[in-house]
Amino acid sequence: MSSEARRRRVLLLGLGPTAESALRSLIDTFDVIGVVRGSVAHDDPVVGLAGSFDVPVFADASLSSVADLVTEAQPDCVVSSSYDRVLPAALLETCPFVNVHYSPLPRYRGRANVNWALINGEETTAVTVHTIAPGLDAGGVLVQKSLSIGPRETIGELYSRLNGVQQEVLADAVLRRINGDGGAAQDELKATYCCARTPD
């Protein structure tokens, strides 16, 4: 880890099951100045991990609160991993933003994409780290790493493996973005979209 990377200040937006491995990846390389978690429960593993490194946890995950945090803290990069709001274009102009998406973008943009990959019988999926641009899961691809889906793999098992991949690739992709890498453009003609699951 270089001293240059250590000085870089990163804010993590992480509400769901990918946030812990995202934080583990970032904490070894950057000065993580906060985690927007939507919870401060002591039994939350993300809250516990953040506490062990003296990283503040913010329970207010609203867009207005995130915008205030970015304005006040002025991070070198904001990283989103399981954050379910679409960030406004004006906020994206304030600093570099990076998102982690568990699908082979531009395919499977949107919600519950890991679940839909299993439901649809896909044989492979991917971890994609991309710049955030206006639009749903748009922006240049910084890294994309594919992995196979086992014939009887459960959603928990698949998330565990995807989290492991994220932990391996995220920090390097974020540093590249901070240093000006905009990633490879997505082919919009190949984009597909997922919706949130309901009981029906």
C-alpha atoms as a PDB file:
ATOM      1  CA  MET A   1       0.000   0.000   0.000  1.00  0.00           C
ATOM      2  CA  SER A   2       1.455   3.345  -1.024  1.00  0.00           C
ATOM      3  CA  SER A   3       1.345   6.426   1.174  1.00  0.00           C
ATOM      4  CA  GLU A   4      -0.408   8.156  -1.744  1.00  0.00           C
ATOM      5  CA  ALA A   5      -3.269   5.649  -1.604  1.00  0.00           C
ATOM      6  CA  ARG A   6      -3.493   5.849   2.186  1.00  0.00           C
ATOM      7  CA  ARG A   7      -4.070   9.606   2.019  1.00  0.00           C
ATOM      8  CA  ARG A   8      -7.026   9.199  -0.353  1.00  0.00           C
ATOM      9  CA  ARG A   9     -10.308   9.748   1.471  1.00  0.00           C
ATOM     10  CA  VAL A  10     -13.268   7.531   0.561  1.00  0.00           C
ATOM     11  CA  LEU A  11     -16.915   7.557   1.643  1.00  0.00           C
ATOM     12  CA  LEU A  12     -18.757   4.215   1.386  1.00  0.00           C
ATOM     13  CA  LEU A  13     -22.497   3.935   0.717  1.00  0.00           C
ATOM     14  CA  GLY A  14     -23.476   0.395   1.671  1.00  0.00           C
ATOM     15  CA  LEU A  15     -26.941  -0.679   2.775  1.00  0.00           C
ATOM     16  CA  GLY A  16     -27.043  -4.338   1.773  1.00  0.00           C
ATOM     17  CA  PRO A  17     -25.135  -7.637   1.902  1.00  0.00           C
ATOM     18  CA  THR A  18     -22.143  -6.460  -0.131  1.00  0.00           C
ATOM     19  CA  ALA A  19     -21.088  -3.629   2.162  1.00  0.00           C
ATOM     20  CA  GLU A  20     -18.912  -5.648   4.545  1.00  0.00           C
ATOM     21  CA  SER A  21     -16.582  -6.993   1.873  1.00  0.00           C
ATOM     22  CA  ALA A  22     -16.502  -3.547   0.245  1.00  0.00           C
ATOM     23  CA  LEU A  23     -15.360  -2.018   3.521  1.00  0.00           C
ATOM     24  CA  ARG A  24     -12.763  -4.769   4.019  1.00  0.00           C
ATOM     25  CA  SER A  25     -11.331  -4.018   0.584  1.00  0.00           C
ATOM     26  CA  LEU A  26     -11.252  -0.259   1.056  1.00  0.00           C
ATOM     27  CA  ILE A  27     -10.001  -0.139   4.655  1.00  0.00           C
ATOM     28  CA  ASP A  28      -6.662  -1.715   3.731  1.00  0.00           C
ATOM     29  CA  THR A  29      -5.906   0.943   1.114  1.00  0.00           C
ATOM     30  CA  PHE A  30      -7.739   4.187   1.883  1.00  0.00           C
ATOM     31  CA  ASP A  31      -8.738   6.517   4.655  1.00  0.00           C
ATOM     32  CA  VAL A  32     -12.422   5.516   4.860  1.00  0.00           C
ATOM     33  CA  ILE A  33     -14.063   8.619   6.307  1.00  0.00           C
ATOM     34  CA  GLY A  34     -17.498   7.086   6.831  1.00  0.00           C
ATOM     35  CA  VAL A  35     -20.018   4.389   5.979  1.00  0.00           C
ATOM     36  CA  VAL A  36     -23.612   5.254   5.132  1.00  0.00           C
ATOM     37  CA  ARG A  37     -25.322   2.122   6.395  1.00  0.00           C
ATOM     38  CA  GLY A  38     -28.917   2.978   7.293  1.00  0.00           C
ATOM     39  CA  SER A  39     -28.328   1.261  10.638  1.00  0.00           C
ATOM     40  CA  VAL A  40     -26.146   1.622  13.698  1.00  0.00           C
ATOM     41  CA  ALA A  41     -27.153  -1.680  15.311  1.00  0.00           C
ATOM     42  CA  HIS A  42     -24.290  -3.197  17.303  1.00  0.00           C
ATOM     43  CA  ASP A  43     -24.949  -6.693  15.914  1.00  0.00           C
ATOM     44  CA  ASP A  44     -24.552  -5.464  12.329  1.00  0.00           C
ATOM     45  CA  PRO A  45     -21.215  -6.847  11.043  1.00  0.00           C
ATOM     46  CA  VAL A  46     -20.589  -3.716   8.970  1.00  0.00           C
ATOM     47  CA  VAL A  47     -21.116  -1.493  12.004  1.00  0.00           C
ATOM     48  CA  GLY A  48     -18.818  -3.728  14.045  1.00  0.00           C
ATOM     49  CA  LEU A  49     -16.090  -3.712  11.407  1.00  0.00           C
ATOM     50  CA  ALA A  50     -16.312   0.048  11.000  1.00  0.00           C
ATOM     51  CA  GLY A  51     -16.101   0.512  14.763  1.00  0.00           C
ATOM     52  CA  SER A  52     -12.964  -1.585  14.989  1.00  0.00           C
ATOM     53  CA  PHE A  53     -11.256   0.896  12.636  1.00  0.00           C
ATOM     54  CA  ASP A  54     -12.864   4.018  14.146  1.00  0.00           C
ATOM     55  CA  VAL A  55     -14.832   4.650  10.949  1.00  0.00           C
ATOM     56  CA  PRO A  56     -18.022   6.659  11.569  1.00  0.00           C
ATOM     57  CA  VAL A  57     -21.315   5.024  10.582  1.00  0.00           C
ATOM     58  CA  PHE A  58     -24.213   7.164   9.380  1.00  0.00           C
ATOM     59  CA  ALA A  59     -27.765   5.850   9.740  1.00  0.00           C
ATOM     60  CA  ASP A  60     -29.430   8.446   7.499  1.00  0.00           C
ATOM     61  CA  ALA A  61     -29.168   7.028   3.975  1.00  0.00           C
ATOM     62  CA  SER A  62     -31.352   9.650   2.297  1.00  0.00           C
ATOM     63  CA  LEU A  63     -30.068  11.415  -0.789  1.00  0.00           C
ATOM     64  CA  SER A  64     -30.130  14.766   1.015  1.00  0.00           C
ATOM     65  CA  SER A  65     -28.012  13.400   3.855  1.00  0.00           C
ATOM     66  CA  VAL A  66     -25.520  11.836   1.443  1.00  0.00           C
ATOM     67  CA  ALA A  67     -25.270  15.116  -0.464  1.00  0.00           C
ATOM     68  CA  ASP A  68     -24.577  16.952   2.791  1.00  0.00           C
ATOM     69  CA  LEU A  69     -21.889  14.434   3.750  1.00  0.00           C
ATOM     70  CA  VAL A  70     -20.159  14.763   0.394  1.00  0.00           C
ATOM     71  CA  THR A  71     -20.280  18.563   0.591  1.00  0.00           C
ATOM     72  CA  GLU A  72     -18.902  18.652   4.131  1.00  0.00           C
ATOM     73  CA  ALA A  73     -16.301  15.880   3.911  1.00  0.00           C
ATOM     74  CA  GLN A  74     -15.153  16.428   0.301  1.00  0.00           C
ATOM     75  CA  PRO A  75     -13.955  12.841  -0.234  1.00  0.00           C
ATOM     76  CA  ASP A  76     -11.631  11.904  -3.069  1.00  0.00           C
ATOM     77  CA  CYS A  77     -14.179   9.286  -4.113  1.00  0.00           C
ATOM     78  CA  VAL A  78     -17.613   8.008  -3.103  1.00  0.00           C
ATOM     79  CA  VAL A  79     -18.056   4.237  -3.401  1.00  0.00           C
ATOM     80  CA  SER A  80     -21.499   2.666  -3.653  1.00  0.00           C
ATOM     81  CA  SER A  81     -21.969  -1.017  -2.838  1.00  0.00           C
ATOM     82  CA  SER A  82     -25.605  -1.993  -2.192  1.00  0.00           C
ATOM     83  CA  TYR A  83     -26.986   1.535  -2.186  1.00  0.00           C
ATOM     84  CA  ASP A  84     -30.485   1.575  -3.658  1.00  0.00           C
ATOM     85  CA  ARG A  85     -30.959   5.218  -4.620  1.00  0.00           C
ATOM     86  CA  VAL A  86     -30.219   6.837  -7.981  1.00  0.00           C
ATOM     87  CA  LEU A  87     -27.727   9.629  -7.332  1.00  0.00           C
ATOM     88  CA  PRO A  88     -28.600  12.982  -8.956  1.00  0.00           C
ATOM     89  CA  ALA A  89     -26.409  14.336 -11.740  1.00  0.00           C
ATOM     90  CA  ALA A  90     -25.502  17.463  -9.775  1.00  0.00           C
ATOM     91  CA  LEU A  91     -24.060  15.364  -6.945  1.00  0.00           C
ATOM     92  CA  LEU A  92     -22.069  13.218  -9.377  1.00  0.00           C
ATOM     93  CA  GLU A  93     -20.246  16.340 -10.554  1.00  0.00           C
ATOM     94  CA  THR A  94     -18.746  17.026  -7.117  1.00  0.00           C
ATOM     95  CA  CYS A  95     -16.186  14.188  -7.052  1.00  0.00           C
ATOM     96  CA  PRO A  96     -15.542  10.753  -8.587  1.00  0.00           C
ATOM     97  CA  PHE A  97     -18.219   8.137  -7.846  1.00  0.00           C
ATOM     98  CA  VAL A  98     -17.805   4.365  -8.224  1.00  0.00           C
ATOM     99  CA  ASN A  99     -20.445   1.631  -8.011  1.00  0.00           C
ATOM    100  CA  VAL A 100     -20.183  -2.122  -7.510  1.00  0.00           C
ATOM    101  CA  HIS A 101     -22.798  -4.146  -9.383  1.00  0.00           C
ATOM    102  CA  TYR A 102     -23.089  -7.920  -9.213  1.00  0.00           C
ATOM    103  CA  SER A 103     -23.835  -8.631 -12.875  1.00  0.00           C
ATOM    104  CA  PRO A 104     -22.035  -8.587 -16.235  1.00  0.00           C
ATOM    105  CA  LEU A 105     -22.999  -5.028 -17.168  1.00  0.00           C
ATOM    106  CA  PRO A 106     -24.560  -3.823 -19.373  1.00  0.00           C
ATOM    107  CA  ARG A 107     -26.704  -6.924 -18.812  1.00  0.00           C
ATOM    108  CA  TYR A 108     -28.822  -7.181 -15.654  1.00  0.00           C
ATOM    109  CA  ARG A 109     -28.924  -3.543 -14.674  1.00  0.00           C
ATOM    110  CA  GLY A 110     -31.274  -2.631 -11.842  1.00  0.00           C
ATOM    111  CA  ARG A 111     -32.568  -4.460  -8.778  1.00  0.00           C
ATOM    112  CA  ALA A 112     -32.226  -8.020  -7.410  1.00  0.00           C
ATOM    113  CA  ASN A 113     -29.886  -8.929 -10.260  1.00  0.00           C
ATOM    114  CA  VAL A 114     -28.209 -11.790  -8.380  1.00  0.00           C
ATOM    115  CA  ASN A 115     -31.589 -13.315  -7.618  1.00  0.00           C
ATOM    116  CA  TRP A 116     -32.739 -12.947 -11.207  1.00  0.00           C
ATOM    117  CA  ALA A 117     -29.559 -14.572 -12.520  1.00  0.00           C
ATOM    118  CA  LEU A 118     -30.446 -17.678 -10.479  1.00  0.00           C
ATOM    119  CA  ILE A 119     -34.143 -17.540 -11.350  1.00  0.00           C
ATOM    120  CA  ASN A 120     -33.304 -17.267 -15.054  1.00  0.00           C
ATOM    121  CA  GLY A 121     -30.885 -20.191 -14.933  1.00  0.00           C
ATOM    122  CA  GLU A 122     -27.798 -18.219 -15.929  1.00  0.00           C
ATOM    123  CA  GLU A 123     -24.568 -20.209 -15.971  1.00  0.00           C
ATOM    124  CA  THR A 124     -22.322 -17.217 -15.205  1.00  0.00           C
ATOM    125  CA  THR A 125     -22.462 -13.819 -13.533  1.00  0.00           C
ATOM    126  CA  ALA A 126     -19.887 -11.175 -12.678  1.00  0.00           C
ATOM    127  CA  VAL A 127     -18.712  -8.449 -10.357  1.00  0.00           C
ATOM    128  CA  THR A 128     -18.580  -5.159 -12.238  1.00  0.00           C
ATOM    129  CA  VAL A 129     -17.010  -2.025 -10.791  1.00  0.00           C
ATOM    130  CA  HIS A 130     -17.952   1.038 -12.825  1.00  0.00           C
ATOM    131  CA  THR A 131     -17.992   4.793 -12.709  1.00  0.00           C
ATOM    132  CA  ILE A 132     -21.382   6.261 -11.816  1.00  0.00           C
ATOM    133  CA  ALA A 133     -22.971   8.340 -14.549  1.00  0.00           C
ATOM    134  CA  PRO A 134     -26.530   9.651 -14.873  1.00  0.00           C
ATOM    135  CA  GLY A 135     -28.780   6.683 -15.610  1.00  0.00           C
ATOM    136  CA  LEU A 136     -29.329   3.258 -14.085  1.00  0.00           C
ATOM    137  CA  ASP A 137     -26.034   1.369 -13.645  1.00  0.00           C
ATOM    138  CA  ALA A 138     -24.503   3.378 -16.466  1.00  0.00           C
ATOM    139  CA  GLY A 139     -20.900   4.563 -16.624  1.00  0.00           C
ATOM    140  CA  GLY A 140     -17.546   3.213 -17.739  1.00  0.00           C
ATOM    141  CA  VAL A 141     -16.492  -0.251 -16.596  1.00  0.00           C
ATOM    142  CA  LEU A 142     -13.311  -0.179 -14.512  1.00  0.00           C
ATOM    143  CA  VAL A 143     -13.155  -3.927 -13.911  1.00  0.00           C
ATOM    144  CA  GLN A 144     -15.412  -6.883 -14.597  1.00  0.00           C
ATOM    145  CA  LYS A 145     -14.645 -10.354 -13.280  1.00  0.00           C
ATOM    146  CA  SER A 146     -16.845 -13.290 -14.263  1.00  0.00           C
ATOM    147  CA  LEU A 147     -17.564 -16.418 -12.278  1.00  0.00           C
ATOM    148  CA  SER A 148     -19.644 -19.499 -12.920  1.00  0.00           C
ATOM    149  CA  ILE A 149     -22.891 -20.296 -11.128  1.00  0.00           C
ATOM    150  CA  GLY A 150     -23.147 -23.826  -9.756  1.00  0.00           C
ATOM    151  CA  PRO A 151     -26.164 -25.920 -10.811  1.00  0.00           C
ATOM    152  CA  ARG A 152     -27.487 -26.092  -7.236  1.00  0.00           C
ATOM    153  CA  GLU A 153     -25.948 -22.922  -5.837  1.00  0.00           C
ATOM    154  CA  THR A 154     -28.048 -20.920  -3.390  1.00  0.00           C
ATOM    155  CA  ILE A 155     -28.327 -17.142  -3.281  1.00  0.00           C
ATOM    156  CA  GLY A 156     -26.327 -17.099  -0.025  1.00  0.00           C
ATOM    157  CA  GLU A 157     -23.518 -19.166  -1.498  1.00  0.00           C
ATOM    158  CA  LEU A 158     -23.376 -17.031  -4.638  1.00  0.00           C
ATOM    159  CA  TYR A 159     -23.328 -13.781  -2.670  1.00  0.00           C
ATOM    160  CA  SER A 160     -20.488 -15.140  -0.547  1.00  0.00           C
ATOM    161  CA  ARG A 161     -18.358 -15.825  -3.622  1.00  0.00           C
ATOM    162  CA  LEU A 162     -19.265 -12.513  -5.256  1.00  0.00           C
ATOM    163  CA  ASN A 163     -18.338 -10.695  -2.053  1.00  0.00           C
ATOM    164  CA  GLY A 164     -14.953 -12.402  -2.123  1.00  0.00           C
ATOM    165  CA  VAL A 165     -14.349 -11.190  -5.674  1.00  0.00           C
ATOM    166  CA  GLN A 166     -15.410  -7.663  -4.747  1.00  0.00           C
ATOM    167  CA  GLN A 167     -12.939  -7.648  -1.872  1.00  0.00           C
ATOM    168  CA  GLU A 168     -10.154  -8.581  -4.299  1.00  0.00           C
ATOM    169  CA  VAL A 169     -10.850  -6.026  -7.036  1.00  0.00           C
ATOM    170  CA  LEU A 170     -12.576  -2.994  -5.523  1.00  0.00           C
ATOM    171  CA  ALA A 171      -9.717  -1.010  -3.978  1.00  0.00           C
ATOM    172  CA  ASP A 172      -7.583  -1.083  -7.125  1.00  0.00           C
ATOM    173  CA  ALA A 173     -10.529  -0.002  -9.284  1.00  0.00           C
ATOM    174  CA  VAL A 174     -11.304   2.899  -6.937  1.00  0.00           C
ATOM    175  CA  LEU A 175      -7.688   4.085  -6.982  1.00  0.00           C
ATOM    176  CA  ARG A 176      -7.701   3.964 -10.777  1.00  0.00           C
ATOM    177  CA  ARG A 177     -10.874   6.081 -10.833  1.00  0.00           C
ATOM    178  CA  ILE A 178      -9.368   8.631  -8.447  1.00  0.00           C
ATOM    179  CA  ASN A 179      -6.354   8.833 -10.747  1.00  0.00           C
ATOM    180  CA  GLY A 180      -8.567   9.706 -13.723  1.00  0.00           C
ATOM    181  CA  ASP A 181      -9.523   6.377 -15.317  1.00  0.00           C
ATOM    182  CA  GLY A 182     -13.076   6.672 -16.673  1.00  0.00           C
ATOM    183  CA  GLY A 183     -13.409   2.992 -17.567  1.00  0.00           C
ATOM    184  CA  ALA A 184     -14.560   1.321 -20.794  1.00  0.00           C
ATOM    185  CA  ALA A 185     -17.883   2.503 -22.204  1.00  0.00           C
ATOM    186  CA  GLN A 186     -20.832   0.116 -21.904  1.00  0.00           C
ATOM    187  CA  ASP A 187     -22.661  -0.994 -25.042  1.00  0.00           C
ATOM    188  CA  GLU A 188     -26.131   0.475 -24.510  1.00  0.00           C
ATOM    189  CA  LEU A 189     -27.583  -1.757 -27.231  1.00  0.00           C
ATOM    190  CA  LYS A 190     -26.829  -4.803 -25.038  1.00  0.00           C
ATOM    191  CA  ALA A 191     -28.346  -3.388 -21.848  1.00  0.00           C
ATOM    192  CA  THR A 192     -31.005  -5.428 -20.045  1.00  0.00           C
ATOM    193  CA  TYR A 193     -32.858  -4.514 -16.867  1.00  0.00           C
ATOM    194  CA  CYS A 194     -34.127  -6.255 -13.726  1.00  0.00           C
ATOM    195  CA  CYS A 195     -36.947  -5.175 -11.440  1.00  0.00           C
ATOM    196  CA  ALA A 196     -37.410  -5.606  -7.716  1.00  0.00           C
ATOM    197  CA  ARG A 197     -38.915  -8.939  -6.644  1.00  0.00           C
ATOM    198  CA  THR A 198     -42.371  -9.061  -5.085  1.00  0.00           C
ATOM    199  CA  PRO A 199     -44.269 -11.996  -3.517  1.00  0.00           C
ATOM    200  CA  ASP A 200     -46.125 -12.442  -6.830  1.00  0.00           C
END
